[in-house]
């Protein structure tokens, strides 16, 4: 019984470390989508009348 509990604990620890490392990556599709939205918003704001355009 102790062997099963120890194995289960080891598997859980490996999964937590694996998912934790995967969560740290920034090359997700969500990050790419956020950058595209920000770029579109910056263009929209730059094209508003009365706002000096940056070059």
Protein backbone atom coordinates (compact mmCIF):
# COMPACT_ATOMS: atom_id res chain seq x y z
CA UNK A 1 0.00 0.00 0.00
CA UNK A 2 2.84 2.39 0.77
CA UNK A 3 4.35 1.64 -2.64
CA UNK A 4 1.13 2.64 -4.42
CA UNK A 5 0.86 5.84 -2.41
CA UNK A 6 4.48 6.72 -3.12
CA UNK A 7 4.01 6.05 -6.84
CA UNK A 8 0.86 8.16 -6.94
CA UNK A 9 2.65 10.99 -5.16
CA UNK A 10 5.55 10.82 -7.62
CA UNK A 11 3.21 10.85 -10.64
CA UNK A 12 1.31 13.83 -9.21
CA UNK A 13 4.55 15.73 -8.60
CA UNK A 14 5.76 15.09 -12.16
CA UNK A 15 2.44 16.25 -13.61
CA UNK A 16 2.43 19.42 -11.52
CA UNK A 17 5.97 20.28 -12.59
CA UNK A 18 5.13 19.54 -16.23
CA UNK A 19 2.01 21.68 -16.26
CA UNK A 20 3.80 24.44 -14.37
CA UNK A 21 6.56 24.57 -16.97
CA UNK A 22 4.05 24.58 -19.81
CA UNK A 23 2.19 27.51 -18.24
CA UNK A 24 5.34 29.64 -18.26
CA UNK A 25 5.66 29.63 -22.05
CA UNK A 26 4.65 32.91 -23.69
CA UNK A 27 4.35 31.67 -27.28
CA UNK A 28 0.69 30.80 -26.94
CA UNK A 29 -1.98 31.60 -29.46
CA UNK A 30 -3.65 33.77 -26.82
CA UNK A 31 -0.53 35.95 -26.54
CA UNK A 32 -0.35 36.26 -30.33
CA UNK A 33 -4.02 37.25 -30.50
CA UNK A 34 -3.55 39.86 -27.76
CA UNK A 35 -0.61 41.42 -29.63
CA UNK A 36 -2.68 41.60 -32.83
CA UNK A 37 -5.56 43.30 -30.98
CA UNK A 38 -3.20 45.84 -29.42
CA UNK A 39 -1.65 46.60 -32.80
CA UNK A 40 -5.10 47.16 -34.33
CA UNK A 41 -6.11 49.43 -31.45
CA UNK A 42 -2.91 51.46 -31.81
CA UNK A 43 -3.66 51.98 -35.52
CA UNK A 44 -7.23 53.03 -34.71
CA UNK A 45 -6.11 55.56 -32.13
CA UNK A 46 -3.41 56.93 -34.43
CA UNK A 47 -5.97 57.57 -37.19
CA UNK A 48 -8.32 59.59 -34.97
CA UNK A 49 -8.62 63.29 -35.84
CA UNK A 50 -6.77 65.63 -33.56
CA UNK A 51 -4.19 63.07 -32.50
CA UNK A 52 -0.68 63.76 -33.77
CA UNK A 53 0.68 60.78 -35.65
CA UNK A 54 3.99 59.31 -34.60
CA UNK A 55 6.49 58.38 -37.27
